[in-house]
C-alpha cells in the first residue's frame, strides 16, 4: 500500500503538467481567431528552478524503481548538479586574465567562447632573467653555497601561443583540457664562476602543447576566476650558441665562438591566471 501511495504522489504532478487544459473560446461576430502559438513561442527555456524540479522528480521515480525491482537503495538526488547551479554565474563570451607578476615574468590570456563547453585562448608571456636569479639565490642559501658559485642567467624569453580549450562541466569553471601551439623565442646568457665561460643562446622554438588544469569561479556574479594548468610541449628548436672564455678574474679572453644547433625537445609547461569574464551572456 505504501508503494502505491508513493507511486501516485510521484506521478500526479507529471500527469497534471502533461494533461491538456481546455477552455471555452468565445469571440464576437467579425473577430478573427488567432493561430495557436508555435512550439518555440509556447515553450520558453526552462529556468534553473524548473530544471531542479525535474531532476528531483526523476530521482524520486528512480528510487521507486529500486524499491519495486529490489535493487540496493541509492541516493539519486543530484546534489552535485544542484550545488553547481546554485553558485554558478553567467556564461560570458569573453575572458581576460593575467599571471601574478613574480620573478620577472608577465603573461596574459584572452579567451573567446565558442560554445558552452569550448573556447579558444590566445596567450602572450614574457620572462626576463636578472644576473642573479632570486630563486637561485634562495636555493644557494639553503644549500650553504656562496652566491657567486651559483650560475646566474640574464636575458629573457617571449612566448606567443594559441589553443583550443574544453570545459567538460561548464564554461569558465571546473576541469579543463587544452591543445594548442606555441612559439618561444629565447635570448639568454648564463654566467658561472670564473674561469667558466659565458654561454649565450639565441633560438626559436615551434611546438605543440597539451595542458590539463582546473578553473575556479569566485564572487556572487561569477565573473572572477583563477585558472591553473600544467602539461608539456614537444617541438623543434633551432638557433645559435656562443661561448666566451674568461680568465680567473673575469676578464674576457679572445673572441667568442659560435655554433648553430637544431633539435627536437620536450619541455614542461604550466601557467596560473587570474581574470574576469565579460561580454554577451551565452
C-alpha atoms as a PDB file:
ATOM      1  CA  UNK A   1       0.000   0.000   0.000  1.00  0.00           C
ATOM      2  CA  UNK A   2       2.865   2.381   0.878  1.00  0.00           C
ATOM      3  CA  UNK A   3       4.444   1.716  -2.517  1.00  0.00           C
ATOM      4  CA  UNK A   4       1.194   2.535  -4.365  1.00  0.00           C
ATOM      5  CA  UNK A   5       0.786   5.815  -2.465  1.00  0.00           C
ATOM      6  CA  UNK A   6       4.389   6.799  -3.174  1.00  0.00           C
ATOM      7  CA  UNK A   7       3.961   5.996  -6.855  1.00  0.00           C
ATOM      8  CA  UNK A   8       0.774   8.100  -7.078  1.00  0.00           C
ATOM      9  CA  UNK A   9       2.463  11.047  -5.323  1.00  0.00           C
ATOM     10  CA  UNK A  10       5.336  10.917  -7.811  1.00  0.00           C
ATOM     11  CA  UNK A  11       3.189  10.587 -10.935  1.00  0.00           C
ATOM     12  CA  UNK A  12       0.334  13.018 -10.215  1.00  0.00           C
ATOM     13  CA  UNK A  13       2.431  16.205 -10.781  1.00  0.00           C
ATOM     14  CA  UNK A  14       3.755  14.821 -14.057  1.00  0.00           C
ATOM     15  CA  UNK A  15       0.259  13.916 -15.263  1.00  0.00           C
ATOM     16  CA  UNK A  16      -1.042  17.323 -14.261  1.00  0.00           C
ATOM     17  CA  UNK A  17       1.631  19.026 -16.343  1.00  0.00           C
ATOM     18  CA  UNK A  18       1.149  16.719 -19.325  1.00  0.00           C
ATOM     19  CA  UNK A  19      -2.681  16.875 -19.387  1.00  0.00           C
ATOM     20  CA  UNK A  20      -4.020  19.465 -21.806  1.00  0.00           C
ATOM     21  CA  UNK A  21      -6.353  22.098 -20.450  1.00  0.00           C
ATOM     22  CA  UNK A  22      -9.456  23.142 -22.380  1.00  0.00           C
ATOM     23  CA  UNK A  23     -11.160  26.453 -22.035  1.00  0.00           C
ATOM     24  CA  UNK A  24     -14.173  27.728 -23.983  1.00  0.00           C
ATOM     25  CA  UNK A  25     -13.303  30.064 -26.815  1.00  0.00           C
ATOM     26  CA  UNK A  26     -15.659  32.959 -27.319  1.00  0.00           C
ATOM     27  CA  UNK A  27     -15.453  35.559 -29.989  1.00  0.00           C
ATOM     28  CA  UNK A  28     -17.567  38.409 -31.062  1.00  0.00           C
ATOM     29  CA  UNK A  29     -19.014  38.425 -34.570  1.00  0.00           C
ATOM     30  CA  UNK A  30     -16.418  39.520 -37.065  1.00  0.00           C
ATOM     31  CA  UNK A  31     -13.462  38.739 -34.787  1.00  0.00           C
ATOM     32  CA  UNK A  32     -10.779  36.575 -36.342  1.00  0.00           C
ATOM     33  CA  UNK A  33      -9.382  33.653 -34.405  1.00  0.00           C
ATOM     34  CA  UNK A  34      -5.648  33.872 -33.811  1.00  0.00           C
ATOM     35  CA  UNK A  35      -3.435  30.963 -34.821  1.00  0.00           C
ATOM     36  CA  UNK A  36      -2.120  28.884 -31.914  1.00  0.00           C
ATOM     37  CA  UNK A  37       1.410  29.815 -30.879  1.00  0.00           C
ATOM     38  CA  UNK A  38       4.277  27.714 -32.215  1.00  0.00           C
ATOM     39  CA  UNK A  39       6.274  25.322 -30.033  1.00  0.00           C
ATOM     40  CA  UNK A  40       9.152  27.784 -29.794  1.00  0.00           C
ATOM     41  CA  UNK A  41       6.781  30.526 -28.518  1.00  0.00           C
ATOM     42  CA  UNK A  42       4.720  28.330 -26.174  1.00  0.00           C
ATOM     43  CA  UNK A  43       7.708  26.557 -24.568  1.00  0.00           C
ATOM     44  CA  UNK A  44      10.248  29.080 -23.277  1.00  0.00           C
ATOM     45  CA  UNK A  45      13.606  27.810 -21.953  1.00  0.00           C
ATOM     46  CA  UNK A  46      13.427  26.152 -18.553  1.00  0.00           C
ATOM     47  CA  UNK A  47      14.658  28.094 -15.555  1.00  0.00           C
ATOM     48  CA  UNK A  48      17.139  26.695 -13.032  1.00  0.00           C
ATOM     49  CA  UNK A  49      14.276  26.067 -10.585  1.00  0.00           C
ATOM     50  CA  UNK A  50      12.304  24.094 -13.208  1.00  0.00           C
ATOM     51  CA  UNK A  51      15.363  22.043 -14.134  1.00  0.00           C
ATOM     52  CA  UNK A  52      15.997  21.269 -10.452  1.00  0.00           C
ATOM     53  CA  UNK A  53      12.343  20.209 -10.012  1.00  0.00           C
ATOM     54  CA  UNK A  54      12.617  17.855 -12.998  1.00  0.00           C
ATOM     55  CA  UNK A  55      15.790  16.323 -11.591  1.00  0.00           C
ATOM     56  CA  UNK A  56      14.069  15.780  -8.221  1.00  0.00           C
ATOM     57  CA  UNK A  57      11.134  14.057  -9.969  1.00  0.00           C
ATOM     58  CA  UNK A  58      13.483  11.807 -11.925  1.00  0.00           C
ATOM     59  CA  UNK A  59      15.310  10.908  -8.716  1.00  0.00           C
ATOM     60  CA  UNK A  60      12.022  10.021  -6.999  1.00  0.00           C
ATOM     61  CA  UNK A  61      10.992   7.737  -9.870  1.00  0.00           C
ATOM     62  CA  UNK A  62      14.399   6.020  -9.820  1.00  0.00           C
ATOM     63  CA  UNK A  63      14.067   5.421  -6.059  1.00  0.00           C
ATOM     64  CA  UNK A  64      10.616   3.853  -6.642  1.00  0.00           C
ATOM     65  CA  UNK A  65      12.054   1.604  -9.363  1.00  0.00           C
ATOM     66  CA  UNK A  66      14.790   0.475  -6.969  1.00  0.00           C
ATOM     67  CA  UNK A  67      12.150  -0.480  -4.404  1.00  0.00           C
ATOM     68  CA  UNK A  68       9.924  -2.266  -6.960  1.00  0.00           C
ATOM     69  CA  UNK A  69      12.729  -4.322  -8.504  1.00  0.00           C
ATOM     70  CA  UNK A  70      14.546  -4.986  -5.240  1.00  0.00           C
ATOM     71  CA  UNK A  71      17.707  -3.048  -6.094  1.00  0.00           C
ATOM     72  CA  UNK A  72      20.041  -1.773  -3.385  1.00  0.00           C
ATOM     73  CA  UNK A  73      18.958   1.647  -2.193  1.00  0.00           C
ATOM     74  CA  UNK A  74      20.924   4.527  -3.680  1.00  0.00           C
ATOM     75  CA  UNK A  75      20.772   8.286  -3.380  1.00  0.00           C
ATOM     76  CA  UNK A  76      19.629   9.533  -6.800  1.00  0.00           C
ATOM     77  CA  UNK A  77      19.302  13.162  -5.815  1.00  0.00           C
ATOM     78  CA  UNK A  78      21.530  15.381  -7.993  1.00  0.00           C
ATOM     79  CA  UNK A  79      23.422  17.007  -5.124  1.00  0.00           C
ATOM     80  CA  UNK A  80      26.434  17.994  -7.214  1.00  0.00           C
ATOM     81  CA  UNK A  81      24.369  19.493 -10.022  1.00  0.00           C
ATOM     82  CA  UNK A  82      22.130  21.414  -7.621  1.00  0.00           C
ATOM     83  CA  UNK A  83      25.096  22.852  -5.735  1.00  0.00           C
ATOM     84  CA  UNK A  84      26.816  23.651  -9.027  1.00  0.00           C
ATOM     85  CA  UNK A  85      23.824  25.638 -10.289  1.00  0.00           C
ATOM     86  CA  UNK A  86      23.453  27.473  -7.003  1.00  0.00           C
ATOM     87  CA  UNK A  87      26.932  29.008  -7.127  1.00  0.00           C
ATOM     88  CA  UNK A  88      27.430  29.430 -10.837  1.00  0.00           C
ATOM     89  CA  UNK A  89      27.412  32.798 -12.568  1.00  0.00           C
ATOM     90  CA  UNK A  90      26.541  33.829 -16.101  1.00  0.00           C
ATOM     91  CA  UNK A  91      28.435  32.298 -19.008  1.00  0.00           C
ATOM     92  CA  UNK A  92      30.007  35.292 -20.719  1.00  0.00           C
ATOM     93  CA  UNK A  93      31.524  35.154 -24.175  1.00  0.00           C
ATOM     94  CA  UNK A  94      34.943  36.640 -23.385  1.00  0.00           C
ATOM     95  CA  UNK A  95      37.500  36.416 -20.597  1.00  0.00           C
ATOM     96  CA  UNK A  96      40.724  38.286 -19.878  1.00  0.00           C
ATOM     97  CA  UNK A  97      43.365  37.058 -17.442  1.00  0.00           C
ATOM     98  CA  UNK A  98      46.987  37.571 -16.439  1.00  0.00           C
ATOM     99  CA  UNK A  99      49.512  35.916 -14.180  1.00  0.00           C
ATOM    100  CA  UNK A 100      50.743  37.201 -10.842  1.00  0.00           C
ATOM    101  CA  UNK A 101      53.940  39.044 -11.926  1.00  0.00           C
ATOM    102  CA  UNK A 102      56.506  37.302  -9.755  1.00  0.00           C
ATOM    103  CA  UNK A 103      60.104  36.506 -10.697  1.00  0.00           C
ATOM    104  CA  UNK A 104      60.290  38.945 -13.611  1.00  0.00           C
ATOM    105  CA  UNK A 105      57.617  37.302 -15.753  1.00  0.00           C
ATOM    106  CA  UNK A 106      54.407  38.754 -17.150  1.00  0.00           C
ATOM    107  CA  UNK A 107      51.783  36.841 -19.099  1.00  0.00           C
ATOM    108  CA  UNK A 108      48.268  37.480 -20.335  1.00  0.00           C
ATOM    109  CA  UNK A 109      45.496  35.463 -21.982  1.00  0.00           C
ATOM    110  CA  UNK A 110      42.408  36.411 -23.997  1.00  0.00           C
ATOM    111  CA  UNK A 111      39.632  33.808 -24.136  1.00  0.00           C
ATOM    112  CA  UNK A 112      36.789  33.564 -26.637  1.00  0.00           C
ATOM    113  CA  UNK A 113      33.922  31.128 -26.039  1.00  0.00           C
ATOM    114  CA  UNK A 114      32.833  29.006 -28.995  1.00  0.00           C
ATOM    115  CA  UNK A 115      30.035  27.151 -27.173  1.00  0.00           C
ATOM    116  CA  UNK A 116      29.028  26.203 -23.651  1.00  0.00           C
ATOM    117  CA  UNK A 117      31.979  23.790 -23.400  1.00  0.00           C
ATOM    118  CA  UNK A 118      34.576  25.042 -25.886  1.00  0.00           C
ATOM    119  CA  UNK A 119      36.771  28.133 -26.123  1.00  0.00           C
ATOM    120  CA  UNK A 120      39.987  29.378 -27.681  1.00  0.00           C
ATOM    121  CA  UNK A 121      42.809  31.004 -25.720  1.00  0.00           C
ATOM    122  CA  UNK A 122      45.371  33.449 -27.110  1.00  0.00           C
ATOM    123  CA  UNK A 123      48.416  33.794 -24.886  1.00  0.00           C
ATOM    124  CA  UNK A 124      51.454  36.101 -24.699  1.00  0.00           C
ATOM    125  CA  UNK A 125      54.098  35.790 -21.979  1.00  0.00           C
ATOM    126  CA  UNK A 126      57.496  37.411 -21.465  1.00  0.00           C
ATOM    127  CA  UNK A 127      60.035  36.313 -18.866  1.00  0.00           C
ATOM    128  CA  UNK A 128      63.148  38.303 -18.001  1.00  0.00           C
ATOM    129  CA  UNK A 129      66.135  36.957 -16.112  1.00  0.00           C
ATOM    130  CA  UNK A 130      68.403  39.036 -13.874  1.00  0.00           C
ATOM    131  CA  UNK A 131      72.167  38.404 -13.498  1.00  0.00           C
ATOM    132  CA  UNK A 132      71.444  36.745 -10.144  1.00  0.00           C
ATOM    133  CA  UNK A 133      68.120  34.945 -10.149  1.00  0.00           C
ATOM    134  CA  UNK A 134      66.220  35.399  -6.833  1.00  0.00           C
ATOM    135  CA  UNK A 135      65.204  31.751  -6.889  1.00  0.00           C
ATOM    136  CA  UNK A 136      68.794  30.584  -7.345  1.00  0.00           C
ATOM    137  CA  UNK A 137      69.910  32.903  -4.569  1.00  0.00           C
ATOM    138  CA  UNK A 138      67.418  31.399  -2.120  1.00  0.00           C
ATOM    139  CA  UNK A 139      68.394  27.875  -3.187  1.00  0.00           C
ATOM    140  CA  UNK A 140      72.077  28.693  -2.755  1.00  0.00           C
ATOM    141  CA  UNK A 141      71.418  29.972   0.747  1.00  0.00           C
ATOM    142  CA  UNK A 142      69.543  26.796   1.685  1.00  0.00           C
ATOM    143  CA  UNK A 143      72.403  24.673   0.355  1.00  0.00           C
ATOM    144  CA  UNK A 144      75.005  26.765   2.153  1.00  0.00           C
ATOM    145  CA  UNK A 145      76.823  27.720  -1.077  1.00  0.00           C
ATOM    146  CA  UNK A 146      78.276  31.177  -1.766  1.00  0.00           C
ATOM    147  CA  UNK A 147      76.095  33.176  -4.117  1.00  0.00           C
ATOM    148  CA  UNK A 148      78.953  33.711  -6.548  1.00  0.00           C
ATOM    149  CA  UNK A 149      79.241  29.923  -7.029  1.00  0.00           C
ATOM    150  CA  UNK A 150      75.698  29.680  -8.382  1.00  0.00           C
ATOM    151  CA  UNK A 151      75.245  30.073 -12.153  1.00  0.00           C
ATOM    152  CA  UNK A 152      73.091  33.089 -12.993  1.00  0.00           C
ATOM    153  CA  UNK A 153      71.152  33.914 -16.115  1.00  0.00           C
ATOM    154  CA  UNK A 154      70.225  37.135 -17.864  1.00  0.00           C
ATOM    155  CA  UNK A 155      68.119  37.853 -20.923  1.00  0.00           C
ATOM    156  CA  UNK A 156      64.616  36.579 -21.487  1.00  0.00           C
ATOM    157  CA  UNK A 157      62.072  34.564 -23.422  1.00  0.00           C
ATOM    158  CA  UNK A 158      58.911  35.517 -25.305  1.00  0.00           C
ATOM    159  CA  UNK A 159      56.036  33.069 -25.778  1.00  0.00           C
ATOM    160  CA  UNK A 160      53.172  33.542 -28.217  1.00  0.00           C
ATOM    161  CA  UNK A 161      50.572  30.786 -28.430  1.00  0.00           C
ATOM    162  CA  UNK A 162      47.012  29.785 -29.203  1.00  0.00           C
ATOM    163  CA  UNK A 163      44.980  26.829 -28.035  1.00  0.00           C
ATOM    164  CA  UNK A 164      41.580  25.153 -28.090  1.00  0.00           C
ATOM    165  CA  UNK A 165      40.086  24.529 -24.644  1.00  0.00           C
ATOM    166  CA  UNK A 166      37.497  22.016 -23.458  1.00  0.00           C
ATOM    167  CA  UNK A 167      35.416  22.667 -20.331  1.00  0.00           C
ATOM    168  CA  UNK A 168      33.658  19.312 -19.689  1.00  0.00           C
ATOM    169  CA  UNK A 169      31.450  20.610 -16.845  1.00  0.00           C
ATOM    170  CA  UNK A 170      30.757  24.220 -17.697  1.00  0.00           C
ATOM    171  CA  UNK A 171      32.345  27.204 -19.421  1.00  0.00           C
ATOM    172  CA  UNK A 172      34.942  29.058 -17.305  1.00  0.00           C
ATOM    173  CA  UNK A 173      34.646  26.536 -14.474  1.00  0.00           C
ATOM    174  CA  UNK A 174      35.874  23.107 -13.446  1.00  0.00           C
ATOM    175  CA  UNK A 175      38.398  20.833 -15.203  1.00  0.00           C
ATOM    176  CA  UNK A 176      39.989  21.902 -18.481  1.00  0.00           C
ATOM    177  CA  UNK A 177      41.863  20.318 -21.353  1.00  0.00           C
ATOM    178  CA  UNK A 178      43.884  22.438 -23.778  1.00  0.00           C
ATOM    179  CA  UNK A 179      45.563  21.570 -27.071  1.00  0.00           C
ATOM    180  CA  UNK A 180      47.498  24.251 -28.895  1.00  0.00           C
ATOM    181  CA  UNK A 181      50.665  25.595 -30.467  1.00  0.00           C
ATOM    182  CA  UNK A 182      53.381  27.918 -29.160  1.00  0.00           C
ATOM    183  CA  UNK A 183      56.348  29.869 -30.500  1.00  0.00           C
ATOM    184  CA  UNK A 184      59.094  30.547 -27.963  1.00  0.00           C
ATOM    185  CA  UNK A 185      61.947  32.985 -28.659  1.00  0.00           C
ATOM    186  CA  UNK A 186      64.951  32.732 -26.322  1.00  0.00           C
ATOM    187  CA  UNK A 187      67.818  35.207 -25.902  1.00  0.00           C
ATOM    188  CA  UNK A 188      69.843  34.445 -22.765  1.00  0.00           C
ATOM    189  CA  UNK A 189      73.329  34.345 -21.284  1.00  0.00           C
ATOM    190  CA  UNK A 190      74.498  32.061 -18.484  1.00  0.00           C
ATOM    191  CA  UNK A 191      77.293  33.173 -16.160  1.00  0.00           C
ATOM    192  CA  UNK A 192      79.200  30.772 -13.941  1.00  0.00           C
ATOM    193  CA  UNK A 193      82.091  31.223 -11.534  1.00  0.00           C
ATOM    194  CA  UNK A 194      85.320  32.202 -13.324  1.00  0.00           C
ATOM    195  CA  UNK A 195      87.096  30.746 -15.229  1.00  0.00           C
ATOM    196  CA  UNK A 196      83.978  29.029 -16.582  1.00  0.00           C
ATOM    197  CA  UNK A 197      82.924  30.509 -19.945  1.00  0.00           C
ATOM    198  CA  UNK A 198      79.911  32.705 -20.559  1.00  0.00           C
ATOM    199  CA  UNK A 199      77.386  30.794 -22.658  1.00  0.00           C
ATOM    200  CA  UNK A 200      74.778  32.656 -24.690  1.00  0.00           C
ATOM    201  CA  UNK A 201      71.868  31.270 -26.647  1.00  0.00           C
ATOM    202  CA  UNK A 202      69.552  32.763 -29.233  1.00  0.00           C
ATOM    203  CA  UNK A 203      66.879  30.398 -30.513  1.00  0.00           C
ATOM    204  CA  UNK A 204      63.306  29.950 -31.686  1.00  0.00           C
ATOM    205  CA  UNK A 205      61.062  27.023 -30.903  1.00  0.00           C
ATOM    206  CA  UNK A 206      57.828  25.956 -32.616  1.00  0.00           C
ATOM    207  CA  UNK A 207      55.899  23.336 -30.707  1.00  0.00           C
ATOM    208  CA  UNK A 208      52.565  21.788 -29.967  1.00  0.00           C
ATOM    209  CA  UNK A 209      51.461  21.500 -26.364  1.00  0.00           C
ATOM    210  CA  UNK A 210      48.843  19.825 -24.207  1.00  0.00           C
ATOM    211  CA  UNK A 211      47.690  21.068 -20.812  1.00  0.00           C
ATOM    212  CA  UNK A 212      45.259  19.865 -18.170  1.00  0.00           C
ATOM    213  CA  UNK A 213      44.033  22.135 -15.419  1.00  0.00           C
ATOM    214  CA  UNK A 214      41.237  23.497 -13.274  1.00  0.00           C
ATOM    215  CA  UNK A 215      39.342  26.779 -13.136  1.00  0.00           C
ATOM    216  CA  UNK A 216      37.668  28.205 -10.030  1.00  0.00           C
ATOM    217  CA  UNK A 217      34.994  30.942 -10.033  1.00  0.00           C
ATOM    218  CA  UNK A 218      34.582  33.499  -7.263  1.00  0.00           C
ATOM    219  CA  UNK A 219      32.162  36.239  -6.335  1.00  0.00           C
ATOM    220  CA  UNK A 220      28.388  36.406  -6.319  1.00  0.00           C
ATOM    221  CA  UNK A 221      28.300  37.386 -10.007  1.00  0.00           C
ATOM    222  CA  UNK A 222      30.681  34.604 -11.014  1.00  0.00           C
ATOM    223  CA  UNK A 223      32.863  36.917 -13.087  1.00  0.00           C
ATOM    224  CA  UNK A 224      36.221  36.457 -11.344  1.00  0.00           C
ATOM    225  CA  UNK A 225      38.163  33.221 -11.842  1.00  0.00           C
ATOM    226  CA  UNK A 226      41.524  31.608 -11.165  1.00  0.00           C
ATOM    227  CA  UNK A 227      42.888  29.107 -13.691  1.00  0.00           C
ATOM    228  CA  UNK A 228      45.825  26.729 -13.301  1.00  0.00           C
ATOM    229  CA  UNK A 229      47.181  24.195 -15.774  1.00  0.00           C
ATOM    230  CA  UNK A 230      50.234  22.066 -16.407  1.00  0.00           C
ATOM    231  CA  UNK A 231      51.426  19.817 -19.193  1.00  0.00           C
ATOM    232  CA  UNK A 232      54.168  19.506 -21.789  1.00  0.00           C
ATOM    233  CA  UNK A 233      55.206  20.752 -25.206  1.00  0.00           C
ATOM    234  CA  UNK A 234      57.086  18.984 -27.973  1.00  0.00           C
ATOM    235  CA  UNK A 235      58.632  20.740 -30.928  1.00  0.00           C
ATOM    236  CA  UNK A 236      61.616  21.827 -32.968  1.00  0.00           C
ATOM    237  CA  UNK A 237      64.116  24.344 -31.645  1.00  0.00           C
ATOM    238  CA  UNK A 238      66.887  25.950 -33.712  1.00  0.00           C
ATOM    239  CA  UNK A 239      69.360  28.746 -33.005  1.00  0.00           C
ATOM    240  CA  UNK A 240      72.911  29.709 -32.214  1.00  0.00           C
ATOM    241  CA  UNK A 241      75.012  29.199 -29.097  1.00  0.00           C
ATOM    242  CA  UNK A 242      78.044  31.392 -28.344  1.00  0.00           C
ATOM    243  CA  UNK A 243      80.832  30.716 -25.867  1.00  0.00           C
ATOM    244  CA  UNK A 244      83.046  33.445 -24.444  1.00  0.00           C
ATOM    245  CA  UNK A 245      86.127  32.407 -22.470  1.00  0.00           C
ATOM    246  CA  UNK A 246      87.126  34.370 -19.349  1.00  0.00           C
ATOM    247  CA  UNK A 247      90.186  34.301 -17.098  1.00  0.00           C
ATOM    248  CA  UNK A 248      90.360  33.804 -13.328  1.00  0.00           C
ATOM    249  CA  UNK A 249      89.472  37.425 -12.605  1.00  0.00           C
ATOM    250  CA  UNK A 250      86.576  37.557 -15.061  1.00  0.00           C
ATOM    251  CA  UNK A 251      88.311  39.317 -17.949  1.00  0.00           C
ATOM    252  CA  UNK A 252      87.256  38.279 -21.461  1.00  0.00           C
ATOM    253  CA  UNK A 253      89.759  36.181 -23.371  1.00  0.00           C
ATOM    254  CA  UNK A 254      89.792  36.258 -27.170  1.00  0.00           C
ATOM    255  CA  UNK A 255      86.767  36.321 -29.424  1.00  0.00           C
ATOM    256  CA  UNK A 256      83.573  34.372 -28.759  1.00  0.00           C
ATOM    257  CA  UNK A 257      82.968  31.165 -30.695  1.00  0.00           C
ATOM    258  CA  UNK A 258      79.577  30.383 -32.189  1.00  0.00           C
ATOM    259  CA  UNK A 259      77.871  27.274 -33.466  1.00  0.00           C
ATOM    260  CA  UNK A 260      74.415  26.590 -34.780  1.00  0.00           C
ATOM    261  CA  UNK A 261      72.156  23.878 -33.391  1.00  0.00           C
ATOM    262  CA  UNK A 262      68.791  22.318 -34.137  1.00  0.00           C
ATOM    263  CA  UNK A 263      66.949  19.595 -32.288  1.00  0.00           C
ATOM    264  CA  UNK A 264      63.573  18.273 -31.185  1.00  0.00           C
ATOM    265  CA  UNK A 265      62.813  18.628 -27.495  1.00  0.00           C
ATOM    266  CA  UNK A 266      60.152  18.124 -24.864  1.00  0.00           C
ATOM    267  CA  UNK A 267      59.560  20.824 -22.246  1.00  0.00           C
ATOM    268  CA  UNK A 268      57.431  21.169 -19.122  1.00  0.00           C
ATOM    269  CA  UNK A 269      54.627  23.752 -19.369  1.00  0.00           C
ATOM    270  CA  UNK A 270      52.479  25.402 -16.710  1.00  0.00           C
ATOM    271  CA  UNK A 271      50.607  28.618 -16.018  1.00  0.00           C
ATOM    272  CA  UNK A 272      48.448  30.409 -13.465  1.00  0.00           C
ATOM    273  CA  UNK A 273      45.949  33.072 -14.499  1.00  0.00           C
ATOM    274  CA  UNK A 274      43.664  35.420 -12.552  1.00  0.00           C
ATOM    275  CA  UNK A 275      40.975  37.084 -14.613  1.00  0.00           C
ATOM    276  CA  UNK A 276      37.364  38.020 -15.239  1.00  0.00           C
ATOM    277  CA  UNK A 277      34.651  37.289 -17.793  1.00  0.00           C
ATOM    278  CA  UNK A 278      32.723  39.829 -19.821  1.00  0.00           C
ATOM    279  CA  UNK A 279      30.632  40.252 -22.970  1.00  0.00           C
ATOM    280  CA  UNK A 280      27.343  38.740 -24.031  1.00  0.00           C
ATOM    281  CA  UNK A 281      25.802  36.043 -21.843  1.00  0.00           C
ATOM    282  CA  UNK A 282      25.626  32.662 -23.583  1.00  0.00           C
END
